[in-house]
Amino acid sequence: MDNESRSTHFGVLFEAALQAYEKKTDITLPDHPLAVQLHNCRSIESITAVLLGEAQAFKEFRGSVSHEIDRECRIDFIQTFCHRLPQRRH
C-alpha cells in the first residue's frame, strides 16, 4: 500500500470514527469541550496546561474505576467460591 492510499484509507477510517462518535454522543468534534478549550489556547504553555489537566483527570478517573472493578471482582470471586463449597448439614 503506497502512502497516498494509506492516507486515503486513514481518512476514511477517521471520518467514520468521527461520525460514529457524533452519533453516539450527539457531540461534533468542534463542539467537544476539550476541542473548545484547545481552540481558545493562545500559547504552547496554555495547550500544555489543558492537556496536563486532562491527563490528571483521566489518571484519577482510571484509578477510581480500577478500584471499583477490583472490589467487584473480589465480591464475584467470594460469591462464586462460597457457592461451590459443599453445603454443611448441621
C-alpha atoms as a PDB file:
ATOM      1  CA  MET A   1       0.000   0.000   0.000  1.00  0.00           C
ATOM      2  CA  ASP A   2       1.568   3.342  -1.001  1.00  0.00           C
ATOM      3  CA  ASN A   3       1.493   6.487   1.125  1.00  0.00           C
ATOM      4  CA  GLU A   4      -1.380   8.090  -0.775  1.00  0.00           C
ATOM      5  CA  SER A   5      -3.659   5.067  -0.425  1.00  0.00           C
ATOM      6  CA  ARG A   6      -2.704   4.737   3.259  1.00  0.00           C
ATOM      7  CA  SER A   7      -3.578   8.377   3.774  1.00  0.00           C
ATOM      8  CA  THR A   8      -6.905   7.922   1.983  1.00  0.00           C
ATOM      9  CA  HIS A   9      -7.641   4.772   3.981  1.00  0.00           C
ATOM     10  CA  PHE A  10      -6.826   6.583   7.239  1.00  0.00           C
ATOM     11  CA  GLY A  11      -9.037   9.500   6.207  1.00  0.00           C
ATOM     12  CA  VAL A  12     -11.966   7.183   5.543  1.00  0.00           C
ATOM     13  CA  LEU A  13     -11.487   5.413   8.880  1.00  0.00           C
ATOM     14  CA  PHE A  14     -11.091   8.709  10.739  1.00  0.00           C
ATOM     15  CA  GLU A  15     -14.234  10.175   9.155  1.00  0.00           C
ATOM     16  CA  ALA A  16     -16.198   7.021  10.027  1.00  0.00           C
ATOM     17  CA  ALA A  17     -14.944   7.225  13.622  1.00  0.00           C
ATOM     18  CA  LEU A  18     -15.972  10.893  13.852  1.00  0.00           C
ATOM     19  CA  GLN A  19     -19.442  10.083  12.534  1.00  0.00           C
ATOM     20  CA  ALA A  20     -19.812   7.161  14.956  1.00  0.00           C
ATOM     21  CA  TYR A  21     -18.682   9.395  17.842  1.00  0.00           C
ATOM     22  CA  GLU A  22     -21.145  12.097  16.882  1.00  0.00           C
ATOM     23  CA  LYS A  23     -23.973   9.568  16.529  1.00  0.00           C
ATOM     24  CA  LYS A  24     -23.217   8.026  19.920  1.00  0.00           C
ATOM     25  CA  THR A  25     -22.626  11.254  21.870  1.00  0.00           C
ATOM     26  CA  ASP A  26     -24.567  13.882  19.901  1.00  0.00           C
ATOM     27  CA  ILE A  27     -21.389  15.997  20.069  1.00  0.00           C
ATOM     28  CA  THR A  28     -19.463  17.062  16.993  1.00  0.00           C
ATOM     29  CA  LEU A  29     -15.702  17.209  17.404  1.00  0.00           C
ATOM     30  CA  PRO A  30     -15.556  21.030  17.133  1.00  0.00           C
ATOM     31  CA  ASP A  31     -18.192  21.251  19.889  1.00  0.00           C
ATOM     32  CA  HIS A  32     -16.406  18.861  22.247  1.00  0.00           C
ATOM     33  CA  PRO A  33     -15.414  20.667  25.468  1.00  0.00           C
ATOM     34  CA  LEU A  34     -11.740  19.702  25.070  1.00  0.00           C
ATOM     35  CA  ALA A  35     -11.677  20.968  21.470  1.00  0.00           C
ATOM     36  CA  VAL A  36     -13.213  24.249  22.615  1.00  0.00           C
ATOM     37  CA  GLN A  37     -10.609  24.591  25.381  1.00  0.00           C
ATOM     38  CA  LEU A  38      -7.754  23.881  22.955  1.00  0.00           C
ATOM     39  CA  HIS A  39      -9.181  26.273  20.373  1.00  0.00           C
ATOM     40  CA  ASN A  40      -9.099  29.060  22.965  1.00  0.00           C
ATOM     41  CA  CYS A  41      -5.441  28.417  23.841  1.00  0.00           C
ATOM     42  CA  ARG A  42      -3.038  31.105  22.682  1.00  0.00           C
ATOM     43  CA  SER A  43       0.315  29.572  23.634  1.00  0.00           C
ATOM     44  CA  ILE A  44       2.115  26.272  23.922  1.00  0.00           C
ATOM     45  CA  GLU A  45       2.038  26.690  27.685  1.00  0.00           C
ATOM     46  CA  SER A  46      -1.748  27.021  27.755  1.00  0.00           C
ATOM     47  CA  ILE A  47      -2.134  23.968  25.487  1.00  0.00           C
ATOM     48  CA  THR A  48       0.230  22.031  27.752  1.00  0.00           C
ATOM     49  CA  ALA A  49      -1.736  23.092  30.841  1.00  0.00           C
ATOM     50  CA  VAL A  50      -5.031  21.912  29.303  1.00  0.00           C
ATOM     51  CA  LEU A  51      -3.567  18.562  28.254  1.00  0.00           C
ATOM     52  CA  LEU A  52      -1.879  18.011  31.635  1.00  0.00           C
ATOM     53  CA  GLY A  53      -5.180  18.753  33.354  1.00  0.00           C
ATOM     54  CA  GLU A  54      -6.936  16.215  31.137  1.00  0.00           C
ATOM     55  CA  ALA A  55      -4.218  13.631  31.781  1.00  0.00           C
ATOM     56  CA  GLN A  56      -4.534  14.115  35.539  1.00  0.00           C
ATOM     57  CA  ALA A  57      -8.322  13.862  35.403  1.00  0.00           C
ATOM     58  CA  PHE A  58      -8.058  10.659  33.368  1.00  0.00           C
ATOM     59  CA  LYS A  59      -5.499   9.217  35.788  1.00  0.00           C
ATOM     60  CA  GLU A  60      -7.819   9.920  38.728  1.00  0.00           C
ATOM     61  CA  PHE A  61     -10.815   8.504  36.844  1.00  0.00           C
ATOM     62  CA  ARG A  62      -8.915   5.370  35.843  1.00  0.00           C
ATOM     63  CA  GLY A  63      -7.780   4.884  39.436  1.00  0.00           C
ATOM     64  CA  SER A  64     -11.314   5.171  40.805  1.00  0.00           C
ATOM     65  CA  VAL A  65     -12.679   2.827  38.152  1.00  0.00           C
ATOM     66  CA  SER A  66      -9.978   0.227  38.751  1.00  0.00           C
ATOM     67  CA  HIS A  67     -10.718   0.248  42.498  1.00  0.00           C
ATOM     68  CA  GLU A  68     -14.400  -0.303  41.740  1.00  0.00           C
ATOM     69  CA  ILE A  69     -13.577  -3.130  39.320  1.00  0.00           C
ATOM     70  CA  ASP A  70     -11.200  -4.710  41.848  1.00  0.00           C
ATOM     71  CA  ARG A  71     -13.908  -4.605  44.526  1.00  0.00           C
ATOM     72  CA  GLU A  72     -16.486  -6.123  42.177  1.00  0.00           C
ATOM     73  CA  CYS A  73     -14.045  -8.873  41.149  1.00  0.00           C
ATOM     74  CA  ARG A  74     -13.390  -9.758  44.797  1.00  0.00           C
ATOM     75  CA  ILE A  75     -17.111  -9.885  45.524  1.00  0.00           C
ATOM     76  CA  ASP A  76     -17.736 -12.084  42.460  1.00  0.00           C
ATOM     77  CA  PHE A  77     -14.885 -14.381  43.460  1.00  0.00           C
ATOM     78  CA  ILE A  78     -16.149 -14.733  47.031  1.00  0.00           C
ATOM     79  CA  GLN A  79     -19.714 -15.408  45.865  1.00  0.00           C
ATOM     80  CA  THR A  80     -18.560 -17.999  43.329  1.00  0.00           C
ATOM     81  CA  PHE A  81     -16.247 -19.621  45.861  1.00  0.00           C
ATOM     82  CA  CYS A  82     -18.982 -19.799  48.500  1.00  0.00           C
ATOM     83  CA  HIS A  83     -21.478 -21.332  46.065  1.00  0.00           C
ATOM     84  CA  ARG A  84     -19.017 -24.060  45.150  1.00  0.00           C
ATOM     85  CA  LEU A  85     -18.319 -25.075  48.722  1.00  0.00           C
ATOM     86  CA  PRO A  86     -20.102 -28.233  49.801  1.00  0.00           C
ATOM     87  CA  GLN A  87     -23.094 -27.404  51.950  1.00  0.00           C
ATOM     88  CA  ARG A  88     -22.669 -28.478  55.578  1.00  0.00           C
ATOM     89  CA  ARG A  89     -25.508 -30.172  57.328  1.00  0.00           C
ATOM     90  CA  HIS A  90     -25.982 -29.488  60.996  1.00  0.00           C
END
